[in-house]
Amino acid sequence: MSVLVHRCLGCGHQQAWHERGNGGYTPCRCCRAGTCDPDPAPTLLPTWTSPGGIREPLWAPGTRRNVGTMHASTTCGCDGCHEAAARLTRREHPSAAPRLVGLSGR
């Protein structure tokens, strides 16, 4: 499933990489130190089905994922992520396609 993340302005990696227990998965000094300067604007990390290559839907902000595993986490639920998710969801929904304005032939 696709997810919204905040990237560190210092190193560019996901904010989650700076959290406890994740530093050992990367050689990045910033991530390993656990200090993050998160970009307030979320970034979409899309995923695709295999086989087929169809883009997967977005995890809703604030959703618990991978429950019951050692990789359990909660997606960010900040206002910026909620706004971005709303924009993305509207854009992806076929009936919510933007209307063409100002063209003849109604």
PDB file of N, CA and C in Angstrom:
ATOM      1  N   MET A   1       0.838  -1.174   0.000  1.00  0.00           N
ATOM      2  CA  MET A   1       0.000   0.000   0.000  1.00  0.00           C
ATOM      3  C   MET A   1       0.887   1.242   0.000  1.00  0.00           C
ATOM      4  N   SER A   2       0.471   2.237  -0.749  1.00  0.00           N
ATOM      5  CA  SER A   2       1.190   3.505  -0.806  1.00  0.00           C
ATOM      6  C   SER A   2       1.059   4.224   0.534  1.00  0.00           C
ATOM      7  N   VAL A   3       2.025   5.086   0.839  1.00  0.00           N
ATOM      8  CA  VAL A   3       2.030   5.765   2.138  1.00  0.00           C
ATOM      9  C   VAL A   3       2.613   7.167   1.992  1.00  0.00           C
ATOM     10  N   LEU A   4       2.156   8.075   2.858  1.00  0.00           N
ATOM     11  CA  LEU A   4       2.715   9.424   2.939  1.00  0.00           C
ATOM     12  C   LEU A   4       3.768   9.431   4.040  1.00  0.00           C
ATOM     13  N   VAL A   5       4.908  10.029   3.768  1.00  0.00           N
ATOM     14  CA  VAL A   5       5.984  10.113   4.759  1.00  0.00           C
ATOM     15  C   VAL A   5       6.532  11.531   4.778  1.00  0.00           C
ATOM     16  N   HIS A   6       7.244  11.851   5.844  1.00  0.00           N
ATOM     17  CA  HIS A   6       7.973  13.112   5.932  1.00  0.00           C
ATOM     18  C   HIS A   6       9.448  12.777   5.781  1.00  0.00           C
ATOM     19  N   ARG A   7      10.125  13.491   4.923  1.00  0.00           N
ATOM     20  CA  ARG A   7      11.557  13.280   4.714  1.00  0.00           C
ATOM     21  C   ARG A   7      12.352  14.259   5.577  1.00  0.00           C
ATOM     22  N   CYS A   8      13.506  13.824   6.011  1.00  0.00           N
ATOM     23  CA  CYS A   8      14.412  14.657   6.794  1.00  0.00           C
ATOM     24  C   CYS A   8      15.041  15.687   5.864  1.00  0.00           C
ATOM     25  N   LEU A   9      15.008  16.942   6.254  1.00  0.00           N
ATOM     26  CA  LEU A   9      15.630  17.990   5.439  1.00  0.00           C
ATOM     27  C   LEU A   9      17.151  17.893   5.466  1.00  0.00           C
ATOM     28  N   GLY A  10      17.699  17.218   6.475  1.00  0.00           N
ATOM     29  CA  GLY A  10      19.147  17.068   6.587  1.00  0.00           C
ATOM     30  C   GLY A  10      19.716  16.005   5.674  1.00  0.00           C
ATOM     31  N   CYS A  11      19.071  14.823   5.642  1.00  0.00           N
ATOM     32  CA  CYS A  11      19.642  13.718   4.861  1.00  0.00           C
ATOM     33  C   CYS A  11      18.716  13.212   3.752  1.00  0.00           C
ATOM     34  N   GLY A  12      17.442  13.586   3.797  1.00  0.00           N
ATOM     35  CA  GLY A  12      16.516  13.169   2.747  1.00  0.00           C
ATOM     36  C   GLY A  12      15.823  11.839   2.988  1.00  0.00           C
ATOM     37  N   HIS A  13      16.220  11.129   4.042  1.00  0.00           N
ATOM     38  CA  HIS A  13      15.583   9.854   4.338  1.00  0.00           C
ATOM     39  C   HIS A  13      14.263  10.077   5.077  1.00  0.00           C
ATOM     40  N   GLN A  14      13.458   9.032   5.150  1.00  0.00           N
ATOM     41  CA  GLN A  14      12.182   9.114   5.850  1.00  0.00           C
ATOM     42  C   GLN A  14      12.394   9.386   7.334  1.00  0.00           C
ATOM     43  N   GLN A  15      11.476  10.133   7.903  1.00  0.00           N
ATOM     44  CA  GLN A  15      11.540  10.436   9.327  1.00  0.00           C
ATOM     45  C   GLN A  15      11.595   9.161  10.164  1.00  0.00           C
ATOM     46  N   ALA A  16      10.867   8.133   9.742  1.00  0.00           N
ATOM     47  CA  ALA A  16      10.832   6.868  10.496  1.00  0.00           C
ATOM     48  C   ALA A  16      12.211   6.226  10.606  1.00  0.00           C
ATOM     49  N   TRP A  17      13.097   6.470   9.653  1.00  0.00           N
ATOM     50  CA  TRP A  17      14.430   5.874   9.704  1.00  0.00           C
ATOM     51  C   TRP A  17      15.231   6.415  10.881  1.00  0.00           C
ATOM     52  N   HIS A  18      14.818   7.560  11.421  1.00  0.00           N
ATOM     53  CA  HIS A  18      15.517   8.181  12.539  1.00  0.00           C
ATOM     54  C   HIS A  18      14.990   7.695  13.886  1.00  0.00           C
ATOM     55  N   GLU A  19      13.923   6.909  13.872  1.00  0.00           N
ATOM     56  CA  GLU A  19      13.311   6.461  15.114  1.00  0.00           C
ATOM     57  C   GLU A  19      14.031   5.256  15.700  1.00  0.00           C
ATOM     58  N   ARG A  20      13.829   5.072  16.989  1.00  0.00           N
ATOM     59  CA  ARG A  20      14.475   3.990  17.733  1.00  0.00           C
ATOM     60  C   ARG A  20      14.299   2.649  17.018  1.00  0.00           C
ATOM     61  N   GLY A  21      15.387   1.912  16.895  1.00  0.00           N
ATOM     62  CA  GLY A  21      15.333   0.582  16.309  1.00  0.00           C
ATOM     63  C   GLY A  21      15.542   0.532  14.809  1.00  0.00           C
ATOM     64  N   ASN A  22      15.483   1.666  14.143  1.00  0.00           N
ATOM     65  CA  ASN A  22      15.637   1.672  12.687  1.00  0.00           C
ATOM     66  C   ASN A  22      17.029   2.102  12.235  1.00  0.00           C
ATOM     67  N   GLY A  23      17.803   2.716  13.105  1.00  0.00           N
ATOM     68  CA  GLY A  23      19.123   3.229  12.738  1.00  0.00           C
ATOM     69  C   GLY A  23      20.088   2.169  12.249  1.00  0.00           C
ATOM     70  N   GLY A  24      19.933   0.943  12.688  1.00  0.00           N
ATOM     71  CA  GLY A  24      20.839  -0.128  12.291  1.00  0.00           C
ATOM     72  C   GLY A  24      20.644  -0.590  10.858  1.00  0.00           C
ATOM     73  N   TYR A  25      19.596  -0.129  10.199  1.00  0.00           N
ATOM     74  CA  TYR A  25      19.319  -0.557   8.832  1.00  0.00           C
ATOM     75  C   TYR A  25      19.952   0.356   7.783  1.00  0.00           C
ATOM     76  N   THR A  26      20.652   1.406   8.203  1.00  0.00           N
ATOM     77  CA  THR A  26      21.233   2.348   7.257  1.00  0.00           C
ATOM     78  C   THR A  26      22.589   2.847   7.767  1.00  0.00           C
ATOM     79  N   PRO A  27      23.520   3.131   6.857  1.00  0.00           N
ATOM     80  CA  PRO A  27      24.799   3.691   7.283  1.00  0.00           C
ATOM     81  C   PRO A  27      24.734   5.217   7.491  1.00  0.00           C
ATOM     82  N   CYS A  28      23.579   5.840   7.255  1.00  0.00           N
ATOM     83  CA  CYS A  28      23.440   7.298   7.352  1.00  0.00           C
ATOM     84  C   CYS A  28      23.672   7.768   8.793  1.00  0.00           C
ATOM     85  N   ARG A  29      24.622   8.664   8.971  1.00  0.00           N
ATOM     86  CA  ARG A  29      24.952   9.164  10.310  1.00  0.00           C
ATOM     87  C   ARG A  29      23.782   9.921  10.932  1.00  0.00           C
ATOM     88  N   CYS A  30      23.063  10.665  10.118  1.00  0.00           N
ATOM     89  CA  CYS A  30      21.915  11.431  10.612  1.00  0.00           C
ATOM     90  C   CYS A  30      20.847  10.485  11.150  1.00  0.00           C
ATOM     91  N   CYS A  31      20.525   9.456  10.375  1.00  0.00           N
ATOM     92  CA  CYS A  31      19.506   8.482  10.798  1.00  0.00           C
ATOM     93  C   CYS A  31      19.951   7.731  12.051  1.00  0.00           C
ATOM     94  N   ARG A  32      21.212   7.325  12.076  1.00  0.00           N
ATOM     95  CA  ARG A  32      21.726   6.551  13.204  1.00  0.00           C
ATOM     96  C   ARG A  32      21.771   7.394  14.478  1.00  0.00           C
ATOM     97  N   ALA A  33      21.965   8.701  14.327  1.00  0.00           N
ATOM     98  CA  ALA A  33      22.003   9.588  15.493  1.00  0.00           C
ATOM     99  C   ALA A  33      20.611   9.809  16.070  1.00  0.00           C
ATOM    100  N   GLY A  34      19.577   9.570  15.264  1.00  0.00           N
ATOM    101  CA  GLY A  34      18.211   9.732  15.751  1.00  0.00           C
ATOM    102  C   GLY A  34      17.714  11.159  15.731  1.00  0.00           C
ATOM    103  N   THR A  35      18.467  12.031  15.077  1.00  0.00           N
ATOM    104  CA  THR A  35      18.035  13.425  14.970  1.00  0.00           C
ATOM    105  C   THR A  35      17.432  13.652  13.596  1.00  0.00           C
ATOM    106  N   CYS A  36      16.255  14.220  13.569  1.00  0.00           N
ATOM    107  CA  CYS A  36      15.567  14.426  12.296  1.00  0.00           C
ATOM    108  C   CYS A  36      15.034  15.845  12.227  1.00  0.00           C
ATOM    109  N   ASP A  37      15.167  16.461  11.076  1.00  0.00           N
ATOM    110  CA  ASP A  37      14.575  17.767  10.785  1.00  0.00           C
ATOM    111  C   ASP A  37      13.520  17.507   9.715  1.00  0.00           C
ATOM    112  N   PRO A  38      12.298  17.093  10.112  1.00  0.00           N
ATOM    113  CA  PRO A  38      11.307  16.659   9.129  1.00  0.00           C
ATOM    114  C   PRO A  38      10.744  17.793   8.286  1.00  0.00           C
ATOM    115  N   ASP A  39      10.623  17.525   7.008  1.00  0.00           N
ATOM    116  CA  ASP A  39       9.947  18.439   6.089  1.00  0.00           C
ATOM    117  C   ASP A  39       8.469  18.398   6.445  1.00  0.00           C
ATOM    118  N   PRO A  40       7.826  19.547   6.699  1.00  0.00           N
ATOM    119  CA  PRO A  40       6.409  19.520   7.071  1.00  0.00           C
ATOM    120  C   PRO A  40       5.497  19.044   5.938  1.00  0.00           C
ATOM    121  N   ALA A  41       5.957  19.160   4.690  1.00  0.00           N
ATOM    122  CA  ALA A  41       5.159  18.699   3.545  1.00  0.00           C
ATOM    123  C   ALA A  41       5.398  17.206   3.338  1.00  0.00           C
ATOM    124  N   PRO A  42       4.341  16.393   3.367  1.00  0.00           N
ATOM    125  CA  PRO A  42       4.524  14.953   3.180  1.00  0.00           C
ATOM    126  C   PRO A  42       4.885  14.597   1.741  1.00  0.00           C
ATOM    127  N   THR A  43       5.546  13.466   1.591  1.00  0.00           N
ATOM    128  CA  THR A  43       5.936  12.925   0.290  1.00  0.00           C
ATOM    129  C   THR A  43       5.209  11.595   0.098  1.00  0.00           C
ATOM    130  N   LEU A  44       4.671  11.375  -1.084  1.00  0.00           N
ATOM    131  CA  LEU A  44       4.004  10.120  -1.389  1.00  0.00           C
ATOM    132  C   LEU A  44       5.032   9.070  -1.794  1.00  0.00           C
ATOM    133  N   LEU A  45       4.985   7.918  -1.137  1.00  0.00           N
ATOM    134  CA  LEU A  45       5.785   6.766  -1.542  1.00  0.00           C
ATOM    135  C   LEU A  45       4.813   5.762  -2.144  1.00  0.00           C
ATOM    136  N   PRO A  46       4.670   5.781  -3.478  1.00  0.00           N
ATOM    137  CA  PRO A  46       3.707   4.877  -4.108  1.00  0.00           C
ATOM    138  C   PRO A  46       4.235   3.448  -4.184  1.00  0.00           C
ATOM    139  N   THR A  47       3.314   2.503  -4.184  1.00  0.00           N
ATOM    140  CA  THR A  47       3.646   1.094  -4.397  1.00  0.00           C
ATOM    141  C   THR A  47       2.735   0.565  -5.488  1.00  0.00           C
ATOM    142  N   TRP A  48       3.176  -0.535  -6.142  1.00  0.00           N
ATOM    143  CA  TRP A  48       2.420  -1.123  -7.239  1.00  0.00           C
ATOM    144  C   TRP A  48       2.234  -2.609  -7.000  1.00  0.00           C
ATOM    145  N   THR A  49       1.141  -3.140  -7.525  1.00  0.00           N
ATOM    146  CA  THR A  49       0.888  -4.570  -7.398  1.00  0.00           C
ATOM    147  C   THR A  49       1.868  -5.344  -8.263  1.00  0.00           C
ATOM    148  N   SER A  50       2.093  -6.575  -7.856  1.00  0.00           N
ATOM    149  CA  SER A  50       2.926  -7.459  -8.655  1.00  0.00           C
ATOM    150  C   SER A  50       2.279  -8.833  -8.644  1.00  0.00           C
ATOM    151  N   PRO A  51       1.974  -9.381  -9.778  1.00  0.00           N
ATOM    152  CA  PRO A  51       2.159  -8.796 -11.111  1.00  0.00           C
ATOM    153  C   PRO A  51       1.048  -7.785 -11.407  1.00  0.00           C
ATOM    154  N   GLY A  52       1.185  -7.099 -12.484  1.00  0.00           N
ATOM    155  CA  GLY A  52       0.158  -6.183 -12.948  1.00  0.00           C
ATOM    156  C   GLY A  52       0.584  -4.738 -12.973  1.00  0.00           C
ATOM    157  N   GLY A  53       1.363  -4.312 -11.995  1.00  0.00           N
ATOM    158  CA  GLY A  53       1.848  -2.940 -11.982  1.00  0.00           C
ATOM    159  C   GLY A  53       0.772  -1.888 -11.771  1.00  0.00           C
ATOM    160  N   ILE A  54      -0.285  -2.239 -11.053  1.00  0.00           N
ATOM    161  CA  ILE A  54      -1.347  -1.281 -10.767  1.00  0.00           C
ATOM    162  C   ILE A  54      -1.014  -0.573  -9.458  1.00  0.00           C
ATOM    163  N   ARG A  55      -1.123   0.765  -9.457  1.00  0.00           N
ATOM    164  CA  ARG A  55      -0.787   1.503  -8.247  1.00  0.00           C
ATOM    165  C   ARG A  55      -1.747   1.134  -7.122  1.00  0.00           C
ATOM    166  N   GLU A  56      -1.168   0.857  -5.954  1.00  0.00           N
ATOM    167  CA  GLU A  56      -1.966   0.458  -4.799  1.00  0.00           C
ATOM    168  C   GLU A  56      -2.555   1.684  -4.113  1.00  0.00           C
ATOM    169  N   PRO A  57      -3.669   1.489  -3.387  1.00  0.00           N
ATOM    170  CA  PRO A  57      -4.286   2.613  -2.687  1.00  0.00           C
ATOM    171  C   PRO A  57      -3.408   3.121  -1.546  1.00  0.00           C
ATOM    172  N   LEU A  58      -3.773   4.265  -1.041  1.00  0.00           N
ATOM    173  CA  LEU A  58      -3.019   4.949   0.003  1.00  0.00           C
ATOM    174  C   LEU A  58      -3.500   4.527   1.386  1.00  0.00           C
ATOM    175  N   TRP A  59      -2.527   4.239   2.285  1.00  0.00           N
ATOM    176  CA  TRP A  59      -2.880   4.038   3.684  1.00  0.00           C
ATOM    177  C   TRP A  59      -3.432   5.355   4.183  1.00  0.00           C
ATOM    178  N   ALA A  60      -4.528   5.332   4.907  1.00  0.00           N
ATOM    179  CA  ALA A  60      -5.092   6.556   5.483  1.00  0.00           C
ATOM    180  C   ALA A  60      -4.162   7.084   6.574  1.00  0.00           C
ATOM    181  N   PRO A  61      -4.015   8.404   6.688  1.00  0.00           N
ATOM    182  CA  PRO A  61      -3.187   8.959   7.760  1.00  0.00           C
ATOM    183  C   PRO A  61      -3.677   8.496   9.135  1.00  0.00           C
ATOM    184  N   GLY A  62      -2.733   8.159   9.994  1.00  0.00           N
ATOM    185  CA  GLY A  62      -3.049   7.707  11.340  1.00  0.00           C
ATOM    186  C   GLY A  62      -3.415   6.235  11.442  1.00  0.00           C
ATOM    187  N   THR A  63      -3.214   5.461  10.364  1.00  0.00           N
ATOM    188  CA  THR A  63      -3.556   4.040  10.339  1.00  0.00           C
ATOM    189  C   THR A  63      -2.418   3.196  10.896  1.00  0.00           C
ATOM    190  N   ARG A  64      -2.762   2.208  11.695  1.00  0.00           N
ATOM    191  CA  ARG A  64      -1.776   1.246  12.205  1.00  0.00           C
ATOM    192  C   ARG A  64      -1.547   0.207  11.119  1.00  0.00           C
ATOM    193  N   ARG A  65      -0.298  -0.059  10.761  1.00  0.00           N
ATOM    194  CA  ARG A  65      -0.004  -1.044   9.718  1.00  0.00           C
ATOM    195  C   ARG A  65       0.995  -2.076  10.224  1.00  0.00           C
ATOM    196  N   ASN A  66       1.000  -3.234   9.560  1.00  0.00           N
ATOM    197  CA  ASN A  66       1.861  -4.359   9.947  1.00  0.00           C
ATOM    198  C   ASN A  66       1.644  -4.762  11.400  1.00  0.00           C
ATOM    199  N   VAL A  67       0.390  -4.716  11.827  1.00  0.00           N
ATOM    200  CA  VAL A  67       0.041  -5.053  13.209  1.00  0.00           C
ATOM    201  C   VAL A  67       0.444  -6.498  13.500  1.00  0.00           C
ATOM    202  N   GLY A  68       0.996  -6.711  14.680  1.00  0.00           N
ATOM    203  CA  GLY A  68       1.384  -8.047  15.099  1.00  0.00           C
ATOM    204  C   GLY A  68       2.759  -8.471  14.613  1.00  0.00           C
ATOM    205  N   THR A  69       3.489  -7.570  13.983  1.00  0.00           N
ATOM    206  CA  THR A  69       4.842  -7.886  13.522  1.00  0.00           C
ATOM    207  C   THR A  69       5.842  -6.965  14.204  1.00  0.00           C
ATOM    208  N   MET A  70       7.111  -7.290  14.086  1.00  0.00           N
ATOM    209  CA  MET A  70       8.139  -6.419  14.663  1.00  0.00           C
ATOM    210  C   MET A  70       8.299  -5.122  13.871  1.00  0.00           C
ATOM    211  N   HIS A  71       7.643  -5.023  12.712  1.00  0.00           N
ATOM    212  CA  HIS A  71       7.721  -3.822  11.882  1.00  0.00           C
ATOM    213  C   HIS A  71       6.437  -2.998  11.948  1.00  0.00           C
ATOM    214  N   ALA A  72       5.627  -3.213  12.992  1.00  0.00           N
ATOM    215  CA  ALA A  72       4.388  -2.456  13.146  1.00  0.00           C
ATOM    216  C   ALA A  72       4.705  -0.966  13.271  1.00  0.00           C
ATOM    217  N   SER A  73       3.873  -0.152  12.654  1.00  0.00           N
ATOM    218  CA  SER A  73       4.049   1.292  12.723  1.00  0.00           C
ATOM    219  C   SER A  73       2.693   1.955  12.496  1.00  0.00           C
ATOM    220  N   THR A  74       2.646   3.236  12.753  1.00  0.00           N
ATOM    221  CA  THR A  74       1.439   4.018  12.509  1.00  0.00           C
ATOM    222  C   THR A  74       1.789   5.100  11.511  1.00  0.00           C
ATOM    223  N   THR A  75       0.974   5.236  10.466  1.00  0.00           N
ATOM    224  CA  THR A  75       1.219   6.285   9.480  1.00  0.00           C
ATOM    225  C   THR A  75       0.993   7.640  10.135  1.00  0.00           C
ATOM    226  N   CYS A  76       1.664   8.649   9.641  1.00  0.00           N
ATOM    227  CA  CYS A  76       1.564   9.988  10.214  1.00  0.00           C
ATOM    228  C   CYS A  76       0.124  10.488  10.103  1.00  0.00           C
ATOM    229  N   GLY A  77      -0.358  11.104  11.155  1.00  0.00           N
ATOM    230  CA  GLY A  77      -1.724  11.612  11.166  1.00  0.00           C
ATOM    231  C   GLY A  77      -1.790  13.120  11.279  1.00  0.00           C
ATOM    232  N   CYS A  78      -0.726  13.821  10.866  1.00  0.00           N
ATOM    233  CA  CYS A  78      -0.713  15.281  10.966  1.00  0.00           C
ATOM    234  C   CYS A  78      -1.690  15.903   9.961  1.00  0.00           C
ATOM    235  N   ASP A  79      -1.986  17.175  10.149  1.00  0.00           N
ATOM    236  CA  ASP A  79      -2.909  17.884   9.255  1.00  0.00           C
ATOM    237  C   ASP A  79      -2.422  17.861   7.810  1.00  0.00           C
ATOM    238  N   GLY A  80      -1.107  18.028   7.613  1.00  0.00           N
ATOM    239  CA  GLY A  80      -0.549  18.013   6.258  1.00  0.00           C
ATOM    240  C   GLY A  80      -0.785  16.690   5.552  1.00  0.00           C
ATOM    241  N   CYS A  81      -0.652  15.581   6.278  1.00  0.00           N
ATOM    242  CA  CYS A  81      -0.882  14.261   5.684  1.00  0.00           C
ATOM    243  C   CYS A  81      -2.368  14.053   5.382  1.00  0.00           C
ATOM    244  N   HIS A  82      -3.233  14.529   6.277  1.00  0.00           N
ATOM    245  CA  HIS A  82      -4.678  14.412   6.014  1.00  0.00           C
ATOM    246  C   HIS A  82      -5.071  15.219   4.773  1.00  0.00           C
ATOM    247  N   GLU A  83      -4.526  16.425   4.628  1.00  0.00           N
ATOM    248  CA  GLU A  83      -4.831  17.261   3.461  1.00  0.00           C
ATOM    249  C   GLU A  83      -4.300  16.621   2.180  1.00  0.00           C
ATOM    250  N   ALA A  84      -3.069  16.127   2.232  1.00  0.00           N
ATOM    251  CA  ALA A  84      -2.481  15.482   1.045  1.00  0.00           C
ATOM    252  C   ALA A  84      -3.267  14.231   0.663  1.00  0.00           C
ATOM    253  N   ALA A  85      -3.668  13.443   1.651  1.00  0.00           N
ATOM    254  CA  ALA A  85      -4.443  12.231   1.380  1.00  0.00           C
ATOM    255  C   ALA A  85      -5.786  12.576   0.743  1.00  0.00           C
ATOM    256  N   ALA A  86      -6.414  13.636   1.217  1.00  0.00           N
ATOM    257  CA  ALA A  86      -7.699  14.053   0.643  1.00  0.00           C
ATOM    258  C   ALA A  86      -7.516  14.468  -0.818  1.00  0.00           C
ATOM    259  N   ARG A  87      -6.455  15.223  -1.106  1.00  0.00           N
ATOM    260  CA  ARG A  87      -6.177  15.634  -2.497  1.00  0.00           C
ATOM    261  C   ARG A  87      -5.911  14.418  -3.374  1.00  0.00           C
ATOM    262  N   LEU A  88      -5.081  13.502  -2.896  1.00  0.00           N
ATOM    263  CA  LEU A  88      -4.728  12.318  -3.679  1.00  0.00           C
ATOM    264  C   LEU A  88      -5.940  11.424  -3.911  1.00  0.00           C
ATOM    265  N   THR A  89      -6.751  11.266  -2.903  1.00  0.00           N
ATOM    266  CA  THR A  89      -7.932  10.411  -3.013  1.00  0.00           C
ATOM    267  C   THR A  89      -8.917  10.995  -4.017  1.00  0.00           C
ATOM    268  N   ARG A  90      -9.123  12.300  -3.981  1.00  0.00           N
ATOM    269  CA  ARG A  90     -10.017  12.945  -4.957  1.00  0.00           C
ATOM    270  C   ARG A  90      -9.489  12.762  -6.369  1.00  0.00           C
ATOM    271  N   ARG A  91      -8.171  12.923  -6.549  1.00  0.00           N
ATOM    272  CA  ARG A  91      -7.568  12.825  -7.873  1.00  0.00           C
ATOM    273  C   ARG A  91      -7.640  11.401  -8.413  1.00  0.00           C
ATOM    274  N   GLU A  92      -7.491  10.402  -7.539  1.00  0.00           N
ATOM    275  CA  GLU A  92      -7.467   9.015  -7.979  1.00  0.00           C
ATOM    276  C   GLU A  92      -8.854   8.470  -8.286  1.00  0.00           C
ATOM    277  N   HIS A  93      -9.877   9.049  -7.685  1.00  0.00           N
ATOM    278  CA  HIS A  93     -11.229   8.528  -7.866  1.00  0.00           C
ATOM    279  C   HIS A  93     -11.753   8.922  -9.246  1.00  0.00           C
ATOM    280  N   PRO A  94     -12.192   7.956 -10.080  1.00  0.00           N
ATOM    281  CA  PRO A  94     -12.594   8.259 -11.452  1.00  0.00           C
ATOM    282  C   PRO A  94     -13.726   9.274 -11.559  1.00  0.00           C
ATOM    283  N   SER A  95     -14.666   9.266 -10.631  1.00  0.00           N
ATOM    284  CA  SER A  95     -15.773  10.208 -10.734  1.00  0.00           C
ATOM    285  C   SER A  95     -15.382  11.596 -10.247  1.00  0.00           C
ATOM    286  N   ALA A  96     -14.198  11.731  -9.695  1.00  0.00           N
ATOM    287  CA  ALA A  96     -13.751  13.023  -9.202  1.00  0.00           C
ATOM    288  C   ALA A  96     -12.747  13.663 -10.153  1.00  0.00           C
ATOM    289  N   ALA A  97     -12.734  13.241 -11.397  1.00  0.00           N
ATOM    290  CA  ALA A  97     -11.813  13.821 -12.376  1.00  0.00           C
ATOM    291  C   ALA A  97     -12.105  15.307 -12.527  1.00  0.00           C
ATOM    292  N   PRO A  98     -11.098  16.125 -12.743  1.00  0.00           N
ATOM    293  CA  PRO A  98     -11.325  17.562 -12.873  1.00  0.00           C
ATOM    294  C   PRO A  98     -12.229  17.862 -14.071  1.00  0.00           C
ATOM    295  N   ARG A  99     -13.118  18.821 -13.877  1.00  0.00           N
ATOM    296  CA  ARG A  99     -14.026  19.221 -14.942  1.00  0.00           C
ATOM    297  C   ARG A  99     -13.311  20.176 -15.880  1.00  0.00           C
ATOM    298  N   LEU A 100     -13.557  20.057 -17.163  1.00  0.00           N
ATOM    299  CA  LEU A 100     -12.991  20.963 -18.141  1.00  0.00           C
ATOM    300  C   LEU A 100     -13.856  22.203 -18.181  1.00  0.00           C
ATOM    301  N   VAL A 101     -13.258  23.346 -17.928  1.00  0.00           N
ATOM    302  CA  VAL A 101     -13.992  24.593 -17.854  1.00  0.00           C
ATOM    303  C   VAL A 101     -13.587  25.472 -19.023  1.00  0.00           C
ATOM    304  N   GLY A 102     -14.572  26.137 -19.614  1.00  0.00           N
ATOM    305  CA  GLY A 102     -14.277  27.101 -20.658  1.00  0.00           C
ATOM    306  C   GLY A 102     -14.179  26.487 -22.050  1.00  0.00           C
ATOM    307  N   LEU A 103     -14.521  25.235 -22.212  1.00  0.00           N
ATOM    308  CA  LEU A 103     -14.460  24.622 -23.526  1.00  0.00           C
ATOM    309  C   LEU A 103     -15.848  24.565 -24.130  1.00  0.00           C
ATOM    310  N   SER A 104     -15.941  24.767 -25.452  1.00  0.00           N
ATOM    311  CA  SER A 104     -17.242  24.662 -26.086  1.00  0.00           C
ATOM    312  C   SER A 104     -17.601  23.187 -26.277  1.00  0.00           C
ATOM    313  N   GLY A 105     -18.837  22.916 -26.576  1.00  0.00           N
ATOM    314  CA  GLY A 105     -19.248  21.550 -26.821  1.00  0.00           C
ATOM    315  C   GLY A 105     -19.811  20.872 -25.594  1.00  0.00           C
ATOM    316  N   ARG A 106     -19.968  21.574 -24.539  1.00  0.00           N
ATOM    317  CA  ARG A 106     -20.510  21.112 -23.262  1.00  0.00           C
ATOM    318  C   ARG A 106     -20.675  19.655 -23.238  1.00  0.00           C
TER     319      ARG A 106
END
